[in-house]
Protein backbone atom coordinates (compact mmCIF):
# COMPACT_ATOMS: atom_id res chain seq x y z
CA MET A 1 0.00 0.00 -0.01
CA GLU A 2 1.52 3.29 -1.14
CA MET A 3 1.04 6.15 1.29
CA ASN A 4 1.34 9.89 0.93
CA SER A 5 2.62 12.09 3.79
CA SER A 6 -0.93 12.66 5.10
CA ASP A 7 -1.60 8.90 5.21
CA LYS A 8 1.71 8.35 7.03
CA GLU A 9 0.81 10.99 9.59
CA VAL A 10 -2.66 9.50 10.13
CA LEU A 11 -1.26 5.99 10.50
CA SER A 12 1.34 7.28 12.95
CA ILE A 13 -1.41 8.92 15.05
CA PHE A 14 -3.43 5.68 15.06
CA LYS A 15 -0.46 3.58 16.10
CA GLU A 16 0.75 6.07 18.73
CA THR A 17 -2.67 6.15 20.40
CA LYS A 18 -3.16 2.38 20.10
CA ALA A 19 -6.24 2.95 17.93
CA LEU A 20 -4.90 0.43 15.39
CA LEU A 21 -4.67 -3.03 16.92
CA THR A 22 -3.37 -6.32 15.53
CA GLY A 23 -4.59 -9.81 16.50
CA HIS A 24 -7.77 -11.78 15.62
CA PHE A 25 -10.88 -9.62 15.82
CA ILE A 26 -14.59 -10.16 15.29
CA LEU A 27 -15.89 -7.03 13.57
CA ARG A 28 -19.38 -5.59 14.11
CA SER A 29 -20.21 -6.91 10.63
CA GLY A 30 -19.45 -10.46 11.87
CA LEU A 31 -16.38 -10.67 9.63
CA ARG A 32 -12.94 -11.45 11.05
CA SER A 33 -9.77 -9.43 10.66
CA GLY A 34 -6.16 -9.31 11.79
CA HIS A 35 -6.50 -5.53 12.27
CA PHE A 36 -9.00 -3.50 14.26
CA PHE A 37 -9.56 0.25 14.45
CA GLN A 38 -10.70 1.29 17.89
CA CYS A 39 -11.09 4.97 17.20
CA ALA A 40 -12.24 5.61 20.76
CA GLN A 41 -8.56 5.26 21.66
CA VAL A 42 -7.49 8.14 19.45
CA CYS A 43 -10.56 10.17 20.48
CA GLN A 44 -9.25 10.36 24.06
CA HIS A 45 -6.58 12.74 22.80
CA MET A 46 -8.15 15.99 21.66
CA ASP A 47 -4.94 17.26 20.10
CA LYS A 48 -4.93 14.18 17.86
CA VAL A 49 -8.65 14.58 17.06
CA THR A 50 -8.03 18.21 16.18
CA ARG A 51 -5.25 17.22 13.76
CA LEU A 52 -7.24 14.38 12.18
CA ALA A 53 -10.17 16.76 11.65
CA GLU A 54 -7.85 19.34 10.04
CA LEU A 55 -6.56 16.74 7.61
CA LEU A 56 -10.08 15.50 6.88
CA ILE A 57 -11.50 18.98 6.38
CA ALA A 58 -8.94 19.61 3.63
CA LYS A 59 -10.67 16.80 1.72
CA ILE A 60 -14.28 17.80 2.34
CA VAL A 61 -14.41 21.61 2.67
CA HIS A 62 -15.45 21.98 -0.98
CA LEU A 63 -18.74 20.19 -0.14
CA LYS A 64 -19.71 23.29 1.90
CA PRO A 65 -21.62 21.52 4.68
CA THR A 66 -23.66 23.59 7.13
CA THR A 67 -24.60 20.67 9.38
CA ILE A 68 -22.62 17.60 10.42
CA VAL A 69 -24.55 14.47 11.41
CA SER A 70 -22.87 11.51 13.06
CA PRO A 71 -24.14 8.06 13.98
CA ALA A 72 -23.59 7.14 17.63
CA MET A 73 -21.22 6.21 19.03
CA GLY A 74 -18.24 6.02 16.73
CA GLY A 75 -18.66 9.23 14.77
CA LEU A 76 -19.54 11.55 17.64
CA VAL A 77 -16.13 12.93 18.56
CA ILE A 78 -14.78 13.40 15.03
CA GLY A 79 -18.12 14.72 13.79
CA GLN A 80 -18.28 17.30 16.52
CA GLU A 81 -14.69 18.42 15.92
CA ILE A 82 -15.31 18.77 12.18
CA ALA A 83 -18.38 20.86 12.98
CA ARG A 84 -16.42 23.01 15.44
CA GLN A 85 -13.63 23.70 12.97
CA LEU A 86 -16.06 24.47 10.12
CA ASN A 87 -18.38 26.46 12.39
CA CYS A 88 -21.26 24.13 11.48
CA ARG A 89 -24.15 22.78 13.47
CA PHE A 90 -23.68 19.26 14.85
CA LEU A 91 -26.39 16.62 15.32
CA PHE A 92 -26.08 12.98 16.27
CA LEU A 93 -28.17 9.93 15.69
CA GLU A 94 -28.49 7.46 18.54
CA LYS A 95 -29.35 3.81 18.91
CA GLU A 96 -32.80 2.70 19.94
CA ASN A 97 -33.39 -1.08 19.83
CA ASP A 98 -30.08 -1.35 17.91
CA ARG A 99 -31.32 0.95 15.13
CA LEU A 100 -30.35 4.57 14.61
CA VAL A 101 -32.96 7.24 15.27
CA MET A 102 -33.02 11.03 15.31
CA ARG A 103 -34.28 12.19 18.70
CA ARG A 104 -33.98 15.14 21.07
CA ASN A 105 -36.13 17.37 18.87
CA PHE A 106 -33.33 17.63 16.30
CA ASN A 107 -34.70 19.10 13.10
CA LEU A 108 -33.27 19.48 9.60
CA THR A 109 -34.63 21.94 7.06
CA ALA A 110 -34.14 22.51 3.34
CA GLU A 111 -31.39 25.03 4.23
CA ASP A 112 -29.24 22.33 5.86
CA ARG A 113 -26.37 20.97 3.73
CA VAL A 114 -25.63 17.76 5.62
CA LEU A 115 -22.35 15.87 5.78
CA VAL A 116 -22.47 12.48 7.51
CA ALA A 117 -19.30 11.87 9.56
CA GLU A 118 -18.33 8.42 10.87
CA ASP A 119 -15.17 6.99 12.36
CA VAL A 120 -14.68 3.73 10.41
CA VAL A 121 -16.58 2.33 7.43
CA THR A 122 -16.28 -1.42 6.78
CA ARG A 123 -19.53 -2.28 5.04
CA GLY A 124 -21.33 1.04 5.57
CA GLY A 125 -24.32 -0.27 7.55
CA ARG A 126 -24.56 2.58 10.08
CA VAL A 127 -23.98 5.17 7.36
CA ARG A 128 -26.82 3.69 5.30
CA GLU A 129 -29.08 3.85 8.35
CA ALA A 130 -28.16 7.49 8.78
CA LEU A 131 -28.81 8.19 5.09
CA ASP A 132 -32.25 6.53 5.38
CA ILE A 133 -33.10 8.87 8.27
CA LEU A 134 -31.82 11.91 6.40
CA SER A 135 -33.83 10.97 3.29
CA GLU A 136 -36.98 11.59 5.35
CA THR A 137 -35.95 15.21 5.96
CA PRO A 138 -35.92 18.15 3.50
CA SER A 139 -32.17 18.63 4.02
CA ILE A 140 -29.59 18.43 1.24
CA LEU A 141 -27.08 15.61 1.57
CA CYS A 142 -23.69 16.85 0.40
CA GLY A 143 -21.55 13.82 1.27
CA VAL A 144 -20.23 11.17 3.65
CA THR A 145 -16.84 11.17 5.32
CA CYS A 146 -14.96 9.01 7.80
CA LEU A 147 -11.55 8.69 9.35
CA VAL A 148 -10.89 5.22 7.90
CA ASP A 149 -12.44 3.44 4.96
CA ARG A 150 -11.61 -0.23 5.41
CA SER A 151 -14.21 -1.49 2.94
CA ALA A 152 -13.12 -4.08 0.42
CA THR A 153 -15.04 -2.24 -2.28
CA ALA A 154 -16.05 1.38 -1.95
CA PRO A 155 -19.64 1.57 -0.69
CA ASP A 156 -22.05 3.35 -2.99
CA PHE A 157 -23.82 5.87 -0.80
CA GLN A 158 -25.24 7.76 -3.83
CA THR A 159 -23.31 10.85 -2.66
CA PRO A 160 -19.60 11.77 -2.51
CA PHE A 161 -17.72 9.49 -0.09
CA LEU A 162 -14.46 11.11 1.07
CA PRO A 163 -12.54 9.18 3.75
CA LEU A 164 -9.43 10.55 5.38
CA MET A 165 -7.59 7.29 4.73
CA LYS A 166 -8.23 4.05 2.85
CA MET A 167 -6.87 0.93 4.57
CA ASP A 168 -7.02 -2.35 2.71
CA PHE A 169 -6.90 -4.87 5.52
CA PRO A 170 -8.52 -8.12 4.43
CA THR A 171 -11.57 -9.49 6.19
CA TYR A 172 -12.69 -13.13 6.36
CA SER A 173 -15.75 -15.15 7.19
CA ALA A 174 -15.39 -17.24 10.39
CA ASP A 175 -15.30 -20.46 8.34
CA ASN A 176 -12.61 -19.25 5.95
CA LEU A 177 -9.78 -17.96 8.14
CA PRO A 178 -6.12 -17.94 7.15
CA ASP A 179 -3.92 -20.16 9.36
CA GLU A 180 -2.34 -17.23 11.20
CA LEU A 181 -5.74 -15.96 12.38
CA ALA A 182 -7.14 -19.44 13.10
CA ALA A 183 -4.23 -19.95 15.52
CA ILE A 184 -5.31 -16.93 17.63
CA ASP A 185 -8.41 -16.81 19.85
CA PRO A 186 -10.76 -14.14 18.48
CA VAL A 187 -11.83 -11.13 20.49
CA LYS A 188 -14.69 -8.72 19.93
CA PRO A 189 -13.38 -5.41 21.24
CA GLY A 190 -16.48 -3.41 20.27
CA SER A 191 -16.55 -0.20 18.30
């Protein structure tokens, strides 16, 4: 994987904060991987979050969002920091019966240019849930962003998808593990 200086800096931040783990992990999708992004680790360090948001904003500022919306829990910290730096409004979606919902009297109007911000996208399930919710509002969707896109194939969100960094770590079904993962007990660290 060829990396530019921004990718190297991002990877360094993830490793330094122990947000990038190696081992045998069960992902939220049910797939298995030898690598796991636990972005909550990096989100403990606001100086690192500030820097990651600066790097991400350089990629998305042309979308001209006025409102950032993040699915709970993963996207909350980075979404709020993007909103702070862009002087945008910030809303979050939360889980109710393991599905995302918009609560707390949050309201989106036709004047809102919404950017969905997430931490990690593997298959894009939570982002799609967020997009379904947003489609029921009069707001204008201007794009989706995340810190790390670890999808095998880029998800088609029907809007620009601009991740900070693309990481091509392979994922496997539980019944098709490579020997090096099969030799390690799996853990499910949570998002």
